[in-house]
Amino acid sequence: MNSEESPRPADAVDTTSSPPPRKLRIGILSRNKKLYSTNSLAEACERRSHDVRVIDYLKCHMDITTHRPKIFFGDESLEFDAIIPRIGASKTFFGTAVVRQFEMMGTYSVNESVAISRSRDKLRSLQLLSRKGLGLPVTAFAHDTKATGHILKICGGAPVVIKLLEGTQGVGVVLAETKKAGESVVEAFRGLNANILVQEFIKEAGGADIRCLVVGDKVVAAMIRQGQEGEFRSNLHRGGKARIIKITPEERTTAVRAAKTMGLNVAGVDLLRSNHGPVIMEVNSSPGLEGIEKATGRDVAGSIIAFIEKNVKQSMKTRGKG
């Protein structure tokens, strides 16, 4: 989730279509109801006549030991037909525990707890994507700094991109333009006992990446983000610019397969255009909606709520059988 999001304007355009088949109780798990993404989702629920509530998941507590698992907000027991997790990266452990407890109660979660946890582990994500044969930058990982020379060689030599595994939103990402710089950065990070990845630098991407917003088995919106001149990171809160883009069938398929590999129904998949086709940089389980809705004019939040309407019915049927 993008902590740098601004409040969503009240006069945002409604582009949703037909009314929902039945009223649902939907909970949005978010620390701040004023964030653009949270507010956009809440407004989409209201437009489609659902009962919606934003809950600060860090203020929840759980009754785990009974045969009837419960979640409390203060002394109130929470019950929803569906939840939308907007879990901050630094709060993944507790946030996914809350999501898991709702799942134990039979509540439909648009992204399941295990999928959120899987996507937050950058190394595991890359290993899973690699196993499925999806395009990735050449990536190396090591613990011993004595292997630094070899992992730089694996990645094709300098320049290389060095990433902290725990970094988010472009923080802890360094472009090392020479072998000496790469060795120094790796040594410094390892001196802090930090886990790092080294990846080939996709020069032909020109400091731009593509964010595909996947809902279910479709890319509902796509934008290209261009970093500022001299900046290889394209993150919007670092001054990058975004605009709508028509993606290729291969890029579309790659994005959908990446989300499916992570087990995510809603995901932001970041791609680079390389000389050997699209390569995946990251799969985000709580993608920000502000940049992509404004750049594309698409009602992404409405698409997410429509997906929930379609899929929560099956969840409720299964719960009834239980």
C-alpha atoms as a PDB file:
ATOM      1  CA  MET A   1       0.000   0.000   0.000  1.00  0.00           C
ATOM      2  CA  ASN A   2       1.271   3.418  -0.911  1.00  0.00           C
ATOM      3  CA  SER A   3       1.636   5.444   2.270  1.00  0.00           C
ATOM      4  CA  GLU A   4       2.309   8.535   0.145  1.00  0.00           C
ATOM      5  CA  GLU A   5      -1.200   8.593  -1.331  1.00  0.00           C
ATOM      6  CA  SER A   6      -3.206  11.791  -1.166  1.00  0.00           C
ATOM      7  CA  PRO A   7      -6.864  12.059  -0.151  1.00  0.00           C
ATOM      8  CA  ARG A   8      -9.237  11.171  -2.970  1.00  0.00           C
ATOM      9  CA  PRO A   9     -11.306  14.099  -4.288  1.00  0.00           C
ATOM     10  CA  ALA A  10     -15.009  13.878  -3.548  1.00  0.00           C
ATOM     11  CA  ASP A  11     -15.988  14.604  -7.153  1.00  0.00           C
ATOM     12  CA  ALA A  12     -14.224  11.583  -8.689  1.00  0.00           C
ATOM     13  CA  VAL A  13     -15.996  10.308 -11.791  1.00  0.00           C
ATOM     14  CA  ASP A  14     -18.271   7.253 -11.392  1.00  0.00           C
ATOM     15  CA  THR A  15     -17.587   4.856 -14.240  1.00  0.00           C
ATOM     16  CA  THR A  16     -19.179   1.719 -12.746  1.00  0.00           C
ATOM     17  CA  SER A  17     -21.885  -0.007 -14.708  1.00  0.00           C
ATOM     18  CA  SER A  18     -24.829  -2.167 -13.615  1.00  0.00           C
ATOM     19  CA  PRO A  19     -26.039  -2.333  -9.992  1.00  0.00           C
ATOM     20  CA  PRO A  20     -24.943  -5.285  -7.836  1.00  0.00           C
ATOM     21  CA  PRO A  21     -27.201  -8.336  -7.408  1.00  0.00           C
ATOM     22  CA  ARG A  22     -27.415  -8.086  -3.597  1.00  0.00           C
ATOM     23  CA  LYS A  23     -26.205  -5.924  -0.746  1.00  0.00           C
ATOM     24  CA  LEU A  24     -22.987  -7.112   0.898  1.00  0.00           C
ATOM     25  CA  ARG A  25     -21.231  -6.220   4.134  1.00  0.00           C
ATOM     26  CA  ILE A  26     -17.711  -5.308   3.021  1.00  0.00           C
ATOM     27  CA  GLY A  27     -14.816  -4.482   5.322  1.00  0.00           C
ATOM     28  CA  ILE A  28     -11.746  -2.596   4.090  1.00  0.00           C
ATOM     29  CA  LEU A  29      -8.717  -3.324   6.269  1.00  0.00           C
ATOM     30  CA  SER A  30      -6.748  -0.076   6.162  1.00  0.00           C
ATOM     31  CA  ARG A  31      -4.875   2.128   8.656  1.00  0.00           C
ATOM     32  CA  ASN A  32      -6.261   5.342   7.179  1.00  0.00           C
ATOM     33  CA  LYS A  33      -9.703   5.825   5.626  1.00  0.00           C
ATOM     34  CA  LYS A  34      -8.558   9.116   4.031  1.00  0.00           C
ATOM     35  CA  LEU A  35      -6.018   7.452   1.721  1.00  0.00           C
ATOM     36  CA  TYR A  36      -7.014   7.711  -1.919  1.00  0.00           C
ATOM     37  CA  SER A  37      -7.126   3.929  -2.488  1.00  0.00           C
ATOM     38  CA  THR A  38      -9.155   3.227   0.652  1.00  0.00           C
ATOM     39  CA  ASN A  39     -11.589   6.053  -0.081  1.00  0.00           C
ATOM     40  CA  SER A  40     -11.916   5.023  -3.729  1.00  0.00           C
ATOM     41  CA  LEU A  41     -12.824   1.460  -2.720  1.00  0.00           C
ATOM     42  CA  ALA A  42     -15.285   2.689  -0.069  1.00  0.00           C
ATOM     43  CA  GLU A  43     -16.994   4.995  -2.569  1.00  0.00           C
ATOM     44  CA  ALA A  44     -17.217   2.159  -5.124  1.00  0.00           C
ATOM     45  CA  CYS A  45     -18.958   0.027  -2.480  1.00  0.00           C
ATOM     46  CA  GLU A  46     -21.411   2.819  -1.670  1.00  0.00           C
ATOM     47  CA  ARG A  47     -22.196   3.458  -5.343  1.00  0.00           C
ATOM     48  CA  ARG A  48     -23.146  -0.198  -5.647  1.00  0.00           C
ATOM     49  CA  SER A  49     -25.318  -0.027  -2.504  1.00  0.00           C
ATOM     50  CA  HIS A  50     -23.138  -2.154  -0.230  1.00  0.00           C
ATOM     51  CA  ASP A  51     -22.619  -1.629   3.482  1.00  0.00           C
ATOM     52  CA  VAL A  52     -18.942  -0.715   3.791  1.00  0.00           C
ATOM     53  CA  ARG A  53     -16.721  -0.059   6.751  1.00  0.00           C
ATOM     54  CA  VAL A  54     -13.037   0.844   7.017  1.00  0.00           C
ATOM     55  CA  ILE A  55     -11.307  -0.949   9.887  1.00  0.00           C
ATOM     56  CA  ASP A  56      -7.820  -0.228  11.251  1.00  0.00           C
ATOM     57  CA  TYR A  57      -6.583  -3.807  11.398  1.00  0.00           C
ATOM     58  CA  LEU A  58      -3.927  -2.960  14.002  1.00  0.00           C
ATOM     59  CA  LYS A  59      -6.750  -2.139  16.436  1.00  0.00           C
ATOM     60  CA  CYS A  60      -8.359  -5.553  16.015  1.00  0.00           C
ATOM     61  CA  HIS A  61      -7.905  -8.453  18.401  1.00  0.00           C
ATOM     62  CA  MET A  62      -8.834 -12.094  17.995  1.00  0.00           C
ATOM     63  CA  ASP A  63     -10.454 -14.951  19.894  1.00  0.00           C
ATOM     64  CA  ILE A  64      -8.572 -17.909  18.457  1.00  0.00           C
ATOM     65  CA  THR A  65      -9.182 -20.703  20.935  1.00  0.00           C
ATOM     66  CA  THR A  66     -12.937 -21.215  20.616  1.00  0.00           C
ATOM     67  CA  HIS A  67     -14.816 -23.358  18.108  1.00  0.00           C
ATOM     68  CA  ARG A  68     -16.309 -20.100  16.846  1.00  0.00           C
ATOM     69  CA  PRO A  69     -13.346 -17.860  15.936  1.00  0.00           C
ATOM     70  CA  LYS A  70     -14.041 -14.151  16.276  1.00  0.00           C
ATOM     71  CA  ILE A  71     -12.455 -10.796  15.557  1.00  0.00           C
ATOM     72  CA  PHE A  72     -13.093  -7.796  17.770  1.00  0.00           C
ATOM     73  CA  PHE A  73     -12.730  -4.071  17.158  1.00  0.00           C
ATOM     74  CA  GLY A  74     -12.837  -2.718  20.691  1.00  0.00           C
ATOM     75  CA  ASP A  75     -15.569  -4.821  22.305  1.00  0.00           C
ATOM     76  CA  GLU A  76     -17.490  -5.163  19.021  1.00  0.00           C
ATOM     77  CA  SER A  77     -17.469  -8.507  17.200  1.00  0.00           C
ATOM     78  CA  LEU A  78     -16.906  -7.934  13.462  1.00  0.00           C
ATOM     79  CA  GLU A  79     -18.793  -9.803  10.768  1.00  0.00           C
ATOM     80  CA  PHE A  80     -18.413  -9.185   7.031  1.00  0.00           C
ATOM     81  CA  ASP A  81     -19.377 -11.036   3.878  1.00  0.00           C
ATOM     82  CA  ALA A  82     -16.098  -9.937   2.276  1.00  0.00           C
ATOM     83  CA  ILE A  83     -12.931  -8.054   3.171  1.00  0.00           C
ATOM     84  CA  ILE A  84     -10.434  -6.071   1.118  1.00  0.00           C
ATOM     85  CA  PRO A  85      -6.978  -6.204   2.772  1.00  0.00           C
ATOM     86  CA  ARG A  86      -4.864  -3.060   2.410  1.00  0.00           C
ATOM     87  CA  ILE A  87      -1.984  -4.282   4.552  1.00  0.00           C
ATOM     88  CA  GLY A  88       1.113  -2.096   4.901  1.00  0.00           C
ATOM     89  CA  ALA A  89       4.401  -3.846   4.138  1.00  0.00           C
ATOM     90  CA  SER A  90       5.816  -3.170   7.613  1.00  0.00           C
ATOM     91  CA  LYS A  91       2.674  -4.620   9.236  1.00  0.00           C
ATOM     92  CA  THR A  92       2.487  -7.814   7.172  1.00  0.00           C
ATOM     93  CA  PHE A  93       2.783 -10.266  10.083  1.00  0.00           C
ATOM     94  CA  PHE A  94      -0.106  -8.910  12.149  1.00  0.00           C
ATOM     95  CA  GLY A  95      -2.123  -7.791   9.140  1.00  0.00           C
ATOM     96  CA  THR A  96      -2.108 -11.241   7.546  1.00  0.00           C
ATOM     97  CA  ALA A  97      -3.003 -12.782  10.934  1.00  0.00           C
ATOM     98  CA  VAL A  98      -6.151 -10.626  10.932  1.00  0.00           C
ATOM     99  CA  VAL A  99      -6.948 -11.647   7.348  1.00  0.00           C
ATOM    100  CA  ARG A 100      -6.376 -15.315   8.242  1.00  0.00           C
ATOM    101  CA  GLN A 101      -8.753 -15.021  11.207  1.00  0.00           C
ATOM    102  CA  PHE A 102     -11.483 -13.640   8.940  1.00  0.00           C
ATOM    103  CA  GLU A 103     -10.846 -16.572   6.592  1.00  0.00           C
ATOM    104  CA  MET A 104     -11.276 -18.950   9.549  1.00  0.00           C
ATOM    105  CA  MET A 105     -14.671 -17.317  10.107  1.00  0.00           C
ATOM    106  CA  GLY A 106     -15.684 -18.039   6.507  1.00  0.00           C
ATOM    107  CA  THR A 107     -15.315 -14.440   5.301  1.00  0.00           C
ATOM    108  CA  TYR A 108     -14.337 -14.010   1.658  1.00  0.00           C
ATOM    109  CA  SER A 109     -11.044 -12.139   1.241  1.00  0.00           C
ATOM    110  CA  VAL A 110     -10.270 -10.682  -2.184  1.00  0.00           C
ATOM    111  CA  ASN A 111      -6.609 -11.588  -1.533  1.00  0.00           C
ATOM    112  CA  GLU A 112      -5.951 -14.491   0.815  1.00  0.00           C
ATOM    113  CA  SER A 113      -3.491 -14.202   3.698  1.00  0.00           C
ATOM    114  CA  VAL A 114      -1.092 -16.817   2.323  1.00  0.00           C
ATOM    115  CA  ALA A 115      -0.933 -15.006  -1.044  1.00  0.00           C
ATOM    116  CA  ILE A 116      -0.208 -11.661   0.639  1.00  0.00           C
ATOM    117  CA  SER A 117       2.607 -13.236   2.684  1.00  0.00           C
ATOM    118  CA  ARG A 118       4.005 -14.957  -0.393  1.00  0.00           C
ATOM    119  CA  SER A 119       4.070 -11.735  -2.433  1.00  0.00           C
ATOM    120  CA  ARG A 120       5.792  -9.804   0.373  1.00  0.00           C
ATOM    121  CA  ASP A 121       8.789 -12.163   0.303  1.00  0.00           C
ATOM    122  CA  LYS A 122      10.685 -10.784  -2.704  1.00  0.00           C
ATOM    123  CA  LEU A 123      13.086 -13.700  -2.954  1.00  0.00           C
ATOM    124  CA  ARG A 124      10.367 -16.326  -2.710  1.00  0.00           C
ATOM    125  CA  SER A 125       8.285 -14.442  -5.268  1.00  0.00           C
ATOM    126  CA  LEU A 126      11.131 -14.440  -7.784  1.00  0.00           C
ATOM    127  CA  GLN A 127      11.774 -18.145  -7.187  1.00  0.00           C
ATOM    128  CA  LEU A 128       8.095 -18.987  -7.774  1.00  0.00           C
ATOM    129  CA  LEU A 129       7.879 -16.819 -10.895  1.00  0.00           C
ATOM    130  CA  SER A 130      11.085 -18.372 -12.225  1.00  0.00           C
ATOM    131  CA  ARG A 131       9.738 -21.872 -11.675  1.00  0.00           C
ATOM    132  CA  LYS A 132       6.703 -20.973 -13.824  1.00  0.00           C
ATOM    133  CA  GLY A 133       9.013 -19.818 -16.617  1.00  0.00           C
ATOM    134  CA  LEU A 134       7.993 -16.163 -16.429  1.00  0.00           C
ATOM    135  CA  GLY A 135      10.398 -13.484 -17.634  1.00  0.00           C
ATOM    136  CA  LEU A 136      12.657 -11.997 -14.957  1.00  0.00           C
ATOM    137  CA  PRO A 137      15.818  -9.914 -14.888  1.00  0.00           C
ATOM    138  CA  VAL A 138      18.855 -12.119 -14.273  1.00  0.00           C
ATOM    139  CA  THR A 139      19.002 -12.211 -10.455  1.00  0.00           C
ATOM    140  CA  ALA A 140      21.607 -13.403  -7.951  1.00  0.00           C
ATOM    141  CA  PHE A 141      21.446 -13.843  -4.181  1.00  0.00           C
ATOM    142  CA  ALA A 142      24.184 -14.657  -1.695  1.00  0.00           C
ATOM    143  CA  HIS A 143      25.080 -14.365   1.982  1.00  0.00           C
ATOM    144  CA  ASP A 144      28.877 -14.455   1.782  1.00  0.00           C
ATOM    145  CA  THR A 145      30.425 -11.224   0.489  1.00  0.00           C
ATOM    146  CA  LYS A 146      33.277 -13.311  -0.925  1.00  0.00           C
ATOM    147  CA  ALA A 147      30.803 -14.328  -3.644  1.00  0.00           C
ATOM    148  CA  THR A 148      30.235 -10.702  -4.703  1.00  0.00           C
ATOM    149  CA  GLY A 149      32.482 -10.881  -7.747  1.00  0.00           C
ATOM    150  CA  HIS A 150      30.712 -13.979  -9.005  1.00  0.00           C
ATOM    151  CA  ILE A 151      27.172 -12.686  -8.460  1.00  0.00           C
ATOM    152  CA  LEU A 152      28.051  -9.504 -10.372  1.00  0.00           C
ATOM    153  CA  LYS A 153      29.341 -11.719 -13.167  1.00  0.00           C
ATOM    154  CA  ILE A 154      26.108 -13.782 -13.122  1.00  0.00           C
ATOM    155  CA  CYS A 155      24.145 -10.562 -13.691  1.00  0.00           C
ATOM    156  CA  GLY A 156      26.275  -9.624 -16.695  1.00  0.00           C
ATOM    157  CA  GLY A 157      28.595  -7.224 -14.878  1.00  0.00           C
ATOM    158  CA  ALA A 158      28.114  -3.551 -14.107  1.00  0.00           C
ATOM    159  CA  PRO A 159      25.873  -1.687 -14.197  1.00  0.00           C
ATOM    160  CA  VAL A 160      23.696  -3.760 -11.844  1.00  0.00           C
ATOM    161  CA  VAL A 161      20.750  -2.990  -9.591  1.00  0.00           C
ATOM    162  CA  ILE A 162      21.162  -3.873  -5.907  1.00  0.00           C
ATOM    163  CA  LYS A 163      18.007  -4.167  -3.803  1.00  0.00           C
ATOM    164  CA  LEU A 164      17.293  -4.581  -0.130  1.00  0.00           C
ATOM    165  CA  LEU A 165      14.848  -7.462   0.252  1.00  0.00           C
ATOM    166  CA  GLU A 166      12.925  -5.462   2.851  1.00  0.00           C
ATOM    167  CA  GLY A 167      12.770  -2.257   0.786  1.00  0.00           C
ATOM    168  CA  THR A 168       9.535  -0.761  -0.594  1.00  0.00           C
ATOM    169  CA  GLN A 169       8.574   2.080  -2.962  1.00  0.00           C
ATOM    170  CA  GLY A 170      12.086   2.328  -4.366  1.00  0.00           C
ATOM    171  CA  VAL A 171      13.767   2.674  -0.965  1.00  0.00           C
ATOM    172  CA  GLY A 172      16.893   0.523  -0.671  1.00  0.00           C
ATOM    173  CA  VAL A 173      17.389   0.248  -4.450  1.00  0.00           C
ATOM    174  CA  VAL A 174      20.793   1.285  -5.799  1.00  0.00           C
ATOM    175  CA  LEU A 175      22.198   1.396  -9.312  1.00  0.00           C
ATOM    176  CA  ALA A 176      25.874   0.441  -9.217  1.00  0.00           C
ATOM    177  CA  GLU A 177      27.432   1.667 -12.451  1.00  0.00           C
ATOM    178  CA  THR A 178      30.851   0.041 -12.003  1.00  0.00           C
ATOM    179  CA  LYS A 179      32.160  -3.222 -10.605  1.00  0.00           C
ATOM    180  CA  LYS A 180      33.914  -1.343  -7.807  1.00  0.00           C
ATOM    181  CA  ALA A 181      30.721   0.484  -6.863  1.00  0.00           C
ATOM    182  CA  GLY A 182      28.782  -2.798  -6.888  1.00  0.00           C
ATOM    183  CA  GLU A 183      31.305  -4.457  -4.586  1.00  0.00           C
ATOM    184  CA  SER A 184      31.221  -1.474  -2.219  1.00  0.00           C
ATOM    185  CA  VAL A 185      27.414  -1.359  -2.026  1.00  0.00           C
ATOM    186  CA  VAL A 186      27.120  -5.108  -1.443  1.00  0.00           C
ATOM    187  CA  GLU A 187      29.790  -4.968   1.248  1.00  0.00           C
ATOM    188  CA  ALA A 188      28.077  -2.012   2.948  1.00  0.00           C
ATOM    189  CA  PHE A 189      24.625  -3.643   2.952  1.00  0.00           C
ATOM    190  CA  ARG A 190      25.993  -6.945   4.193  1.00  0.00           C
ATOM    191  CA  GLY A 191      27.909  -5.068   6.897  1.00  0.00           C
ATOM    192  CA  LEU A 192      24.491  -3.954   8.154  1.00  0.00           C
ATOM    193  CA  ASN A 193      23.367  -7.601   8.051  1.00  0.00           C
ATOM    194  CA  ALA A 194      20.841  -6.739   5.332  1.00  0.00           C
ATOM    195  CA  ASN A 195      19.600  -9.273   2.799  1.00  0.00           C
ATOM    196  CA  ILE A 196      20.070  -8.111  -0.780  1.00  0.00           C
ATOM    197  CA  LEU A 197      19.368  -9.118  -4.352  1.00  0.00           C
ATOM    198  CA  VAL A 198      21.567  -8.224  -7.317  1.00  0.00           C
ATOM    199  CA  GLN A 199      19.828  -7.910 -10.707  1.00  0.00           C
ATOM    200  CA  GLU A 200      20.859  -7.085 -14.240  1.00  0.00           C
ATOM    201  CA  PHE A 201      20.176  -3.499 -15.262  1.00  0.00           C
ATOM    202  CA  ILE A 202      17.646  -3.354 -18.122  1.00  0.00           C
ATOM    203  CA  LYS A 203      19.133  -0.325 -19.863  1.00  0.00           C
ATOM    204  CA  GLU A 204      16.751  -0.478 -22.824  1.00  0.00           C
ATOM    205  CA  ALA A 205      13.776   0.200 -20.484  1.00  0.00           C
ATOM    206  CA  GLY A 206      15.037   3.801 -20.304  1.00  0.00           C
ATOM    207  CA  GLY A 207      13.999   4.379 -16.699  1.00  0.00           C
ATOM    208  CA  ALA A 208      10.370   3.417 -17.409  1.00  0.00           C
ATOM    209  CA  ASP A 209       8.234   0.561 -16.182  1.00  0.00           C
ATOM    210  CA  ILE A 210       4.679  -0.607 -16.800  1.00  0.00           C
ATOM    211  CA  ARG A 211       2.184  -1.083 -13.974  1.00  0.00           C
ATOM    212  CA  CYS A 212      -0.562  -3.551 -14.850  1.00  0.00           C
ATOM    213  CA  LEU A 213      -3.522  -3.687 -12.486  1.00  0.00           C
ATOM    214  CA  VAL A 214      -4.823  -7.263 -12.519  1.00  0.00           C
ATOM    215  CA  VAL A 215      -8.287  -8.139 -11.206  1.00  0.00           C
ATOM    216  CA  GLY A 216      -9.151 -11.823 -11.514  1.00  0.00           C
ATOM    217  CA  ASP A 217      -7.924 -12.993 -14.888  1.00  0.00           C
ATOM    218  CA  LYS A 218      -7.897  -9.567 -16.557  1.00  0.00           C
ATOM    219  CA  VAL A 219      -5.671  -6.507 -16.750  1.00  0.00           C
ATOM    220  CA  VAL A 220      -8.252  -3.796 -16.038  1.00  0.00           C
ATOM    221  CA  ALA A 221      -5.823  -0.867 -16.412  1.00  0.00           C
ATOM    222  CA  ALA A 222      -2.205  -0.274 -17.422  1.00  0.00           C
ATOM    223  CA  MET A 223       0.071   2.742 -17.247  1.00  0.00           C
ATOM    224  CA  ILE A 224       3.679   3.475 -18.062  1.00  0.00           C
ATOM    225  CA  ARG A 225       5.714   5.278 -15.394  1.00  0.00           C
ATOM    226  CA  GLN A 226       8.721   7.298 -16.458  1.00  0.00           C
ATOM    227  CA  GLY A 227      11.366   8.312 -13.938  1.00  0.00           C
ATOM    228  CA  GLN A 228      12.771  11.817 -13.787  1.00  0.00           C
ATOM    229  CA  GLU A 229      15.783  12.542 -15.967  1.00  0.00           C
ATOM    230  CA  GLY A 230      18.796  10.848 -14.440  1.00  0.00           C
ATOM    231  CA  GLU A 231      16.605   8.663 -12.180  1.00  0.00           C
ATOM    232  CA  PHE A 232      16.374   4.950 -13.004  1.00  0.00           C
ATOM    233  CA  ARG A 233      13.517   4.386 -10.507  1.00  0.00           C
ATOM    234  CA  SER A 234      10.078   5.222 -11.888  1.00  0.00           C
ATOM    235  CA  ASN A 235       8.118   5.416  -8.608  1.00  0.00           C
ATOM    236  CA  LEU A 236       5.516   8.186  -8.831  1.00  0.00           C
ATOM    237  CA  HIS A 237       6.198   9.519  -5.330  1.00  0.00           C
ATOM    238  CA  ARG A 238       9.823  10.004  -6.433  1.00  0.00           C
ATOM    239  CA  GLY A 239       8.747  12.404  -9.140  1.00  0.00           C
ATOM    240  CA  GLY A 240       7.981   9.910 -11.876  1.00  0.00           C
ATOM    241  CA  LYS A 241       5.245  10.655 -14.425  1.00  0.00           C
ATOM    242  CA  ALA A 242       2.510   8.262 -15.534  1.00  0.00           C
ATOM    243  CA  ARG A 243       0.323   7.939 -18.602  1.00  0.00           C
ATOM    244  CA  ILE A 244      -2.015   5.356 -20.064  1.00  0.00           C
ATOM    245  CA  ILE A 245      -0.441   2.756 -22.339  1.00  0.00           C
ATOM    246  CA  LYS A 246      -1.657   0.000 -24.641  1.00  0.00           C
ATOM    247  CA  ILE A 247       0.151  -3.154 -23.590  1.00  0.00           C
ATOM    248  CA  THR A 248       1.018  -6.067 -25.847  1.00  0.00           C
ATOM    249  CA  PRO A 249      -0.734  -9.467 -25.620  1.00  0.00           C
ATOM    250  CA  GLU A 250       2.511 -10.920 -24.200  1.00  0.00           C
ATOM    251  CA  GLU A 251       2.649  -8.234 -21.497  1.00  0.00           C
ATOM    252  CA  ARG A 252      -1.005  -8.842 -20.659  1.00  0.00           C
ATOM    253  CA  THR A 253      -0.493 -12.592 -20.375  1.00  0.00           C
ATOM    254  CA  THR A 254       2.669 -12.146 -18.300  1.00  0.00           C
ATOM    255  CA  ALA A 255       0.887  -9.868 -15.811  1.00  0.00           C
ATOM    256  CA  VAL A 256      -2.072 -12.212 -15.362  1.00  0.00           C
ATOM    257  CA  ARG A 257       0.182 -15.269 -14.986  1.00  0.00           C
ATOM    258  CA  ALA A 258       2.333 -13.446 -12.424  1.00  0.00           C
ATOM    259  CA  ALA A 259      -0.689 -12.576 -10.269  1.00  0.00           C
ATOM    260  CA  LYS A 260      -1.996 -16.140 -10.564  1.00  0.00           C
ATOM    261  CA  THR A 261       1.403 -17.566  -9.584  1.00  0.00           C
ATOM    262  CA  MET A 262       1.278 -15.475  -6.394  1.00  0.00           C
ATOM    263  CA  GLY A 263      -2.318 -16.576  -5.770  1.00  0.00           C
ATOM    264  CA  LEU A 264      -3.542 -12.962  -5.902  1.00  0.00           C
ATOM    265  CA  ASN A 265      -6.932 -11.929  -7.284  1.00  0.00           C
ATOM    266  CA  VAL A 266      -5.985  -8.243  -7.159  1.00  0.00           C
ATOM    267  CA  ALA A 267      -2.385  -7.277  -7.905  1.00  0.00           C
ATOM    268  CA  GLY A 268      -0.203  -4.559  -9.308  1.00  0.00           C
ATOM    269  CA  VAL A 269       2.345  -6.211 -11.593  1.00  0.00           C
ATOM    270  CA  ASP A 270       5.362  -4.103 -12.575  1.00  0.00           C
ATOM    271  CA  LEU A 271       7.031  -4.973 -15.880  1.00  0.00           C
ATOM    272  CA  LEU A 272      10.025  -3.724 -17.830  1.00  0.00           C
ATOM    273  CA  ARG A 273      10.297  -3.895 -21.612  1.00  0.00           C
ATOM    274  CA  SER A 274      13.571  -5.680 -22.304  1.00  0.00           C
ATOM    275  CA  ASN A 275      15.211  -6.831 -25.519  1.00  0.00           C
ATOM    276  CA  HIS A 276      14.044 -10.370 -24.721  1.00  0.00           C
ATOM    277  CA  GLY A 277      10.433  -9.496 -23.868  1.00  0.00           C
ATOM    278  CA  PRO A 278       8.623  -8.334 -20.730  1.00  0.00           C
ATOM    279  CA  VAL A 279      10.368  -9.020 -17.417  1.00  0.00           C
ATOM    280  CA  ILE A 280       8.683  -8.847 -14.007  1.00  0.00           C
ATOM    281  CA  MET A 281      10.061  -6.505 -11.384  1.00  0.00           C
ATOM    282  CA  GLU A 282       7.476  -6.917  -8.642  1.00  0.00           C
ATOM    283  CA  VAL A 283       4.005  -8.242  -7.837  1.00  0.00           C
ATOM    284  CA  ASN A 284       2.222  -6.023  -5.308  1.00  0.00           C
ATOM    285  CA  SER A 285      -0.711  -7.353  -3.245  1.00  0.00           C
ATOM    286  CA  SER A 286      -1.928  -3.886  -2.149  1.00  0.00           C
ATOM    287  CA  PRO A 287      -1.368  -1.718  -5.220  1.00  0.00           C
ATOM    288  CA  GLY A 288      -2.117   1.988  -4.926  1.00  0.00           C
ATOM    289  CA  LEU A 289      -5.062   3.114  -7.057  1.00  0.00           C
ATOM    290  CA  GLU A 290      -4.438   6.851  -7.248  1.00  0.00           C
ATOM    291  CA  GLY A 291      -1.777   6.904  -9.961  1.00  0.00           C
ATOM    292  CA  ILE A 292      -3.424   4.346 -12.218  1.00  0.00           C
ATOM    293  CA  GLU A 293      -6.986   5.680 -11.912  1.00  0.00           C
ATOM    294  CA  LYS A 294      -5.832   9.226 -12.660  1.00  0.00           C
ATOM    295  CA  ALA A 295      -3.519   8.201 -15.516  1.00  0.00           C
ATOM    296  CA  THR A 296      -6.006   5.893 -17.235  1.00  0.00           C
ATOM    297  CA  GLY A 297      -9.415   7.260 -16.233  1.00  0.00           C
ATOM    298  CA  ARG A 298     -10.457   3.704 -15.360  1.00  0.00           C
ATOM    299  CA  ASP A 299     -12.615   2.910 -12.338  1.00  0.00           C
ATOM    300  CA  VAL A 300     -10.272   0.257 -10.945  1.00  0.00           C
ATOM    301  CA  ALA A 301     -11.974   0.295  -7.542  1.00  0.00           C
ATOM    302  CA  GLY A 302     -15.310  -0.447  -9.218  1.00  0.00           C
ATOM    303  CA  SER A 303     -13.749  -3.407 -11.033  1.00  0.00           C
ATOM    304  CA  ILE A 304     -12.505  -4.798  -7.703  1.00  0.00           C
ATOM    305  CA  ILE A 305     -15.953  -4.505  -6.103  1.00  0.00           C
ATOM    306  CA  ALA A 306     -17.590  -6.124  -9.150  1.00  0.00           C
ATOM    307  CA  PHE A 307     -15.121  -9.012  -8.830  1.00  0.00           C
ATOM    308  CA  ILE A 308     -16.059  -9.433  -5.158  1.00  0.00           C
ATOM    309  CA  GLU A 309     -19.779  -9.462  -6.009  1.00  0.00           C
ATOM    310  CA  LYS A 310     -19.213 -12.237  -8.517  1.00  0.00           C
ATOM    311  CA  ASN A 311     -17.005 -14.396  -6.322  1.00  0.00           C
ATOM    312  CA  VAL A 312     -18.394 -13.914  -2.812  1.00  0.00           C
ATOM    313  CA  LYS A 313     -21.520 -15.875  -3.770  1.00  0.00           C
ATOM    314  CA  GLN A 314     -19.499 -19.058  -4.230  1.00  0.00           C
ATOM    315  CA  SER A 315     -17.765 -18.441  -0.910  1.00  0.00           C
ATOM    316  CA  MET A 316     -21.115 -18.057   0.856  1.00  0.00           C
ATOM    317  CA  LYS A 317     -22.437 -21.251  -0.750  1.00  0.00           C
ATOM    318  CA  THR A 318     -19.376 -23.140   0.459  1.00  0.00           C
ATOM    319  CA  ARG A 319     -19.817 -21.670   3.949  1.00  0.00           C
ATOM    320  CA  GLY A 320     -23.463 -22.780   3.943  1.00  0.00           C
ATOM    321  CA  LYS A 321     -22.473 -26.351   3.108  1.00  0.00           C
ATOM    322  CA  GLY A 322     -20.033 -26.339   6.007  1.00  0.00           C
END
